[in-house]
Every structure is written in structure tokens, then in C-alpha cells.
Amino acid sequence: MTDQEKVIFSAYTSIYISSNISAMHEYIESKIKRTLFSHELIDPEVQKEIREKVSSDYNKIDVTERKKVERALYE
């Protein structure tokens, strides 16, 4: 998974797998087109807004990549 995919995954799911929190914060702000305060990240309504705005990017993440790599290692 690329760093950008980690940012997108973290923004969509609220499960932070990206160590670059500021990149995730900037990404979310670019999607919701407003300033985001850290305390808003726990608000269910804001989380819903974020999911709606990043869903198209989230759905583009290739989840099969890992299997391809694992398979190549064992062939």
C-alpha cells in the first residue's frame, strides 16, 4: 500500500495506519474544502462527511496488490 493509499484509508475508516497524520489532515481538508479542527475527527457527523467525500478515492485502492506480491515471492 502506498503512503497516499494509507492516508486515504485512514481518512475513510478513522483507523490510522498512516504515520503521517498531517498529510491525512491536509488530504481531508482538501476533500471537505474547509479547515478541519482535530477535535472534529471524533464527531460522527464529521466522520460521515469525510467518508462521503473520500469514498471515490477509497474505492480506487487496489486491495489485490498484496496477494500479487505474496504470490510472486512463493513462485
N, C-alpha and C. Protein backbone atom coordinates (compact mmCIF):
# COMPACT_ATOMS: atom_id res chain seq x y z
N MET A 1 0.85 -1.17 0.00
CA MET A 1 0.00 0.00 0.00
C MET A 1 0.90 1.24 0.00
N THR A 2 0.59 2.16 -0.87
CA THR A 2 1.39 3.38 -0.95
C THR A 2 1.08 4.29 0.23
N ASP A 3 1.93 5.29 0.44
CA ASP A 3 1.69 6.25 1.51
C ASP A 3 0.37 6.99 1.28
N GLN A 4 0.10 7.35 0.03
CA GLN A 4 -1.15 8.06 -0.27
C GLN A 4 -2.36 7.16 0.00
N GLU A 5 -2.26 5.88 -0.33
CA GLU A 5 -3.36 4.96 -0.05
C GLU A 5 -3.58 4.81 1.45
N LYS A 6 -2.50 4.83 2.22
CA LYS A 6 -2.63 4.78 3.68
C LYS A 6 -3.36 6.01 4.20
N VAL A 7 -3.05 7.17 3.63
CA VAL A 7 -3.72 8.41 4.02
C VAL A 7 -5.22 8.31 3.71
N ILE A 8 -5.54 7.83 2.52
CA ILE A 8 -6.94 7.70 2.10
C ILE A 8 -7.66 6.69 2.99
N PHE A 9 -7.05 5.54 3.23
CA PHE A 9 -7.64 4.52 4.09
C PHE A 9 -7.90 5.08 5.48
N SER A 10 -6.91 5.77 6.03
CA SER A 10 -7.03 6.35 7.37
C SER A 10 -8.15 7.38 7.43
N ALA A 11 -8.24 8.21 6.41
CA ALA A 11 -9.30 9.23 6.38
C ALA A 11 -10.68 8.59 6.29
N TYR A 12 -10.81 7.56 5.47
CA TYR A 12 -12.11 6.93 5.26
C TYR A 12 -12.57 6.12 6.47
N THR A 13 -11.67 5.38 7.07
CA THR A 13 -12.06 4.44 8.13
C THR A 13 -11.88 4.99 9.54
N SER A 14 -11.13 6.05 9.69
CA SER A 14 -10.74 6.58 11.02
C SER A 14 -9.85 5.60 11.77
N ILE A 15 -9.25 4.67 11.06
CA ILE A 15 -8.24 3.76 11.61
C ILE A 15 -6.92 4.25 11.05
N TYR A 16 -6.09 4.78 11.91
CA TYR A 16 -4.89 5.48 11.44
C TYR A 16 -3.73 4.52 11.21
N ILE A 17 -3.55 4.12 9.96
CA ILE A 17 -2.42 3.27 9.59
C ILE A 17 -1.30 4.10 8.98
N SER A 18 -1.59 5.36 8.71
CA SER A 18 -0.56 6.26 8.18
C SER A 18 0.10 6.97 9.35
N SER A 19 1.41 6.96 9.37
CA SER A 19 2.12 7.66 10.45
C SER A 19 2.18 9.16 10.18
N ASN A 20 1.79 9.58 8.99
CA ASN A 20 1.83 10.99 8.62
C ASN A 20 0.44 11.61 8.83
N ILE A 21 0.16 11.95 10.08
CA ILE A 21 -1.15 12.50 10.42
C ILE A 21 -1.39 13.84 9.73
N SER A 22 -0.35 14.64 9.59
CA SER A 22 -0.55 15.95 8.94
C SER A 22 -0.91 15.78 7.46
N ALA A 23 -0.38 14.76 6.80
CA ALA A 23 -0.76 14.50 5.40
C ALA A 23 -2.23 14.11 5.32
N MET A 24 -2.67 13.28 6.28
CA MET A 24 -4.08 12.88 6.31
C MET A 24 -4.97 14.10 6.56
N HIS A 25 -4.56 14.94 7.49
CA HIS A 25 -5.32 16.14 7.83
C HIS A 25 -5.45 17.05 6.60
N GLU A 26 -4.34 17.27 5.89
CA GLU A 26 -4.36 18.10 4.68
C GLU A 26 -5.24 17.48 3.60
N TYR A 27 -5.16 16.16 3.46
CA TYR A 27 -5.98 15.46 2.47
C TYR A 27 -7.47 15.65 2.78
N ILE A 28 -7.84 15.46 4.03
CA ILE A 28 -9.24 15.62 4.42
C ILE A 28 -9.70 17.05 4.16
N GLU A 29 -8.90 18.03 4.54
CA GLU A 29 -9.27 19.43 4.31
C GLU A 29 -9.45 19.72 2.82
N SER A 30 -8.62 19.12 1.98
CA SER A 30 -8.76 19.34 0.54
C SER A 30 -10.06 18.73 0.01
N LYS A 31 -10.51 17.66 0.65
CA LYS A 31 -11.74 16.99 0.21
C LYS A 31 -12.99 17.68 0.74
N ILE A 32 -12.97 18.12 1.99
CA ILE A 32 -14.17 18.74 2.56
C ILE A 32 -14.20 20.25 2.30
N LYS A 33 -13.10 20.77 1.76
CA LYS A 33 -12.99 22.17 1.34
C LYS A 33 -13.25 23.16 2.47
N ARG A 34 -12.67 22.85 3.62
CA ARG A 34 -12.75 23.77 4.76
C ARG A 34 -11.67 23.38 5.76
N THR A 35 -11.44 24.25 6.72
CA THR A 35 -10.49 23.96 7.79
C THR A 35 -11.09 22.89 8.70
N LEU A 36 -10.28 21.92 9.06
CA LEU A 36 -10.71 20.85 9.95
C LEU A 36 -9.93 20.96 11.25
N PHE A 37 -10.65 21.01 12.35
CA PHE A 37 -10.00 21.03 13.65
C PHE A 37 -9.89 19.60 14.17
N SER A 38 -8.81 19.30 14.84
CA SER A 38 -8.53 17.92 15.28
C SER A 38 -9.67 17.31 16.08
N HIS A 39 -10.30 18.10 16.93
CA HIS A 39 -11.37 17.55 17.75
C HIS A 39 -12.58 17.11 16.91
N GLU A 40 -12.69 17.61 15.69
CA GLU A 40 -13.81 17.23 14.82
C GLU A 40 -13.69 15.79 14.33
N LEU A 41 -12.49 15.24 14.37
CA LEU A 41 -12.28 13.88 13.85
C LEU A 41 -13.04 12.82 14.62
N ILE A 42 -13.49 13.14 15.83
CA ILE A 42 -14.26 12.15 16.62
C ILE A 42 -15.76 12.39 16.52
N ASP A 43 -16.17 13.41 15.81
CA ASP A 43 -17.59 13.73 15.65
C ASP A 43 -18.19 12.82 14.58
N PRO A 44 -19.22 12.03 14.91
CA PRO A 44 -19.81 11.10 13.93
C PRO A 44 -20.32 11.79 12.66
N GLU A 45 -20.86 12.99 12.79
CA GLU A 45 -21.34 13.71 11.60
C GLU A 45 -20.19 14.12 10.70
N VAL A 46 -19.10 14.55 11.28
CA VAL A 46 -17.92 14.93 10.50
C VAL A 46 -17.31 13.68 9.86
N GLN A 47 -17.25 12.58 10.60
CA GLN A 47 -16.74 11.33 10.04
C GLN A 47 -17.58 10.90 8.84
N LYS A 48 -18.89 11.06 8.94
CA LYS A 48 -19.77 10.73 7.82
C LYS A 48 -19.48 11.62 6.61
N GLU A 49 -19.31 12.92 6.87
CA GLU A 49 -18.97 13.86 5.79
C GLU A 49 -17.65 13.48 5.12
N ILE A 50 -16.66 13.13 5.92
CA ILE A 50 -15.35 12.74 5.38
C ILE A 50 -15.50 11.49 4.53
N ARG A 51 -16.19 10.46 5.05
CA ARG A 51 -16.38 9.22 4.28
C ARG A 51 -17.05 9.49 2.93
N GLU A 52 -18.05 10.36 2.94
CA GLU A 52 -18.74 10.68 1.68
C GLU A 52 -17.79 11.35 0.68
N LYS A 53 -16.94 12.23 1.17
CA LYS A 53 -16.04 12.98 0.29
C LYS A 53 -14.86 12.16 -0.21
N VAL A 54 -14.40 11.17 0.57
CA VAL A 54 -13.22 10.41 0.16
C VAL A 54 -13.57 9.03 -0.41
N SER A 55 -14.85 8.69 -0.44
CA SER A 55 -15.24 7.34 -0.86
C SER A 55 -14.77 6.99 -2.27
N SER A 56 -14.79 7.95 -3.18
CA SER A 56 -14.35 7.64 -4.55
C SER A 56 -12.87 7.27 -4.58
N ASP A 57 -12.04 7.98 -3.82
CA ASP A 57 -10.62 7.64 -3.74
C ASP A 57 -10.42 6.30 -3.02
N TYR A 58 -11.17 6.09 -1.96
CA TYR A 58 -11.07 4.85 -1.18
C TYR A 58 -11.40 3.64 -2.06
N ASN A 59 -12.42 3.76 -2.88
CA ASN A 59 -12.84 2.65 -3.74
C ASN A 59 -11.84 2.34 -4.85
N LYS A 60 -10.90 3.24 -5.10
CA LYS A 60 -9.88 3.02 -6.13
C LYS A 60 -8.65 2.28 -5.59
N ILE A 61 -8.57 2.10 -4.28
CA ILE A 61 -7.41 1.42 -3.71
C ILE A 61 -7.42 -0.04 -4.15
N ASP A 62 -6.30 -0.49 -4.69
CA ASP A 62 -6.16 -1.86 -5.18
C ASP A 62 -5.83 -2.78 -4.02
N VAL A 63 -6.82 -3.53 -3.58
CA VAL A 63 -6.61 -4.42 -2.44
C VAL A 63 -5.99 -5.75 -2.84
N THR A 64 -5.85 -5.99 -4.14
CA THR A 64 -5.28 -7.26 -4.59
C THR A 64 -3.76 -7.20 -4.70
N GLU A 65 -3.19 -6.01 -4.58
CA GLU A 65 -1.75 -5.85 -4.76
C GLU A 65 -0.95 -6.75 -3.82
N ARG A 66 -1.32 -6.82 -2.57
CA ARG A 66 -0.59 -7.62 -1.60
C ARG A 66 -0.57 -9.09 -1.99
N LYS A 67 -1.69 -9.60 -2.45
CA LYS A 67 -1.74 -11.00 -2.86
C LYS A 67 -0.81 -11.25 -4.04
N LYS A 68 -0.74 -10.31 -4.97
CA LYS A 68 0.15 -10.46 -6.11
C LYS A 68 1.60 -10.53 -5.64
N VAL A 69 1.97 -9.69 -4.71
CA VAL A 69 3.34 -9.67 -4.19
C VAL A 69 3.64 -10.96 -3.45
N GLU A 70 2.73 -11.39 -2.57
CA GLU A 70 2.94 -12.63 -1.82
C GLU A 70 3.07 -13.82 -2.77
N ARG A 71 2.22 -13.86 -3.77
CA ARG A 71 2.26 -14.96 -4.72
C ARG A 71 3.59 -14.99 -5.45
N ALA A 72 4.08 -13.83 -5.86
CA ALA A 72 5.35 -13.74 -6.58
C ALA A 72 6.51 -14.22 -5.72
N LEU A 73 6.43 -14.00 -4.43
CA LEU A 73 7.50 -14.42 -3.53
C LEU A 73 7.61 -15.94 -3.43
N TYR A 74 6.49 -16.62 -3.60
CA TYR A 74 6.48 -18.07 -3.41
C TYR A 74 6.49 -18.86 -4.71
N GLU A 75 6.52 -18.18 -5.83
CA GLU A 75 6.53 -18.90 -7.12
C GLU A 75 7.94 -19.14 -7.59
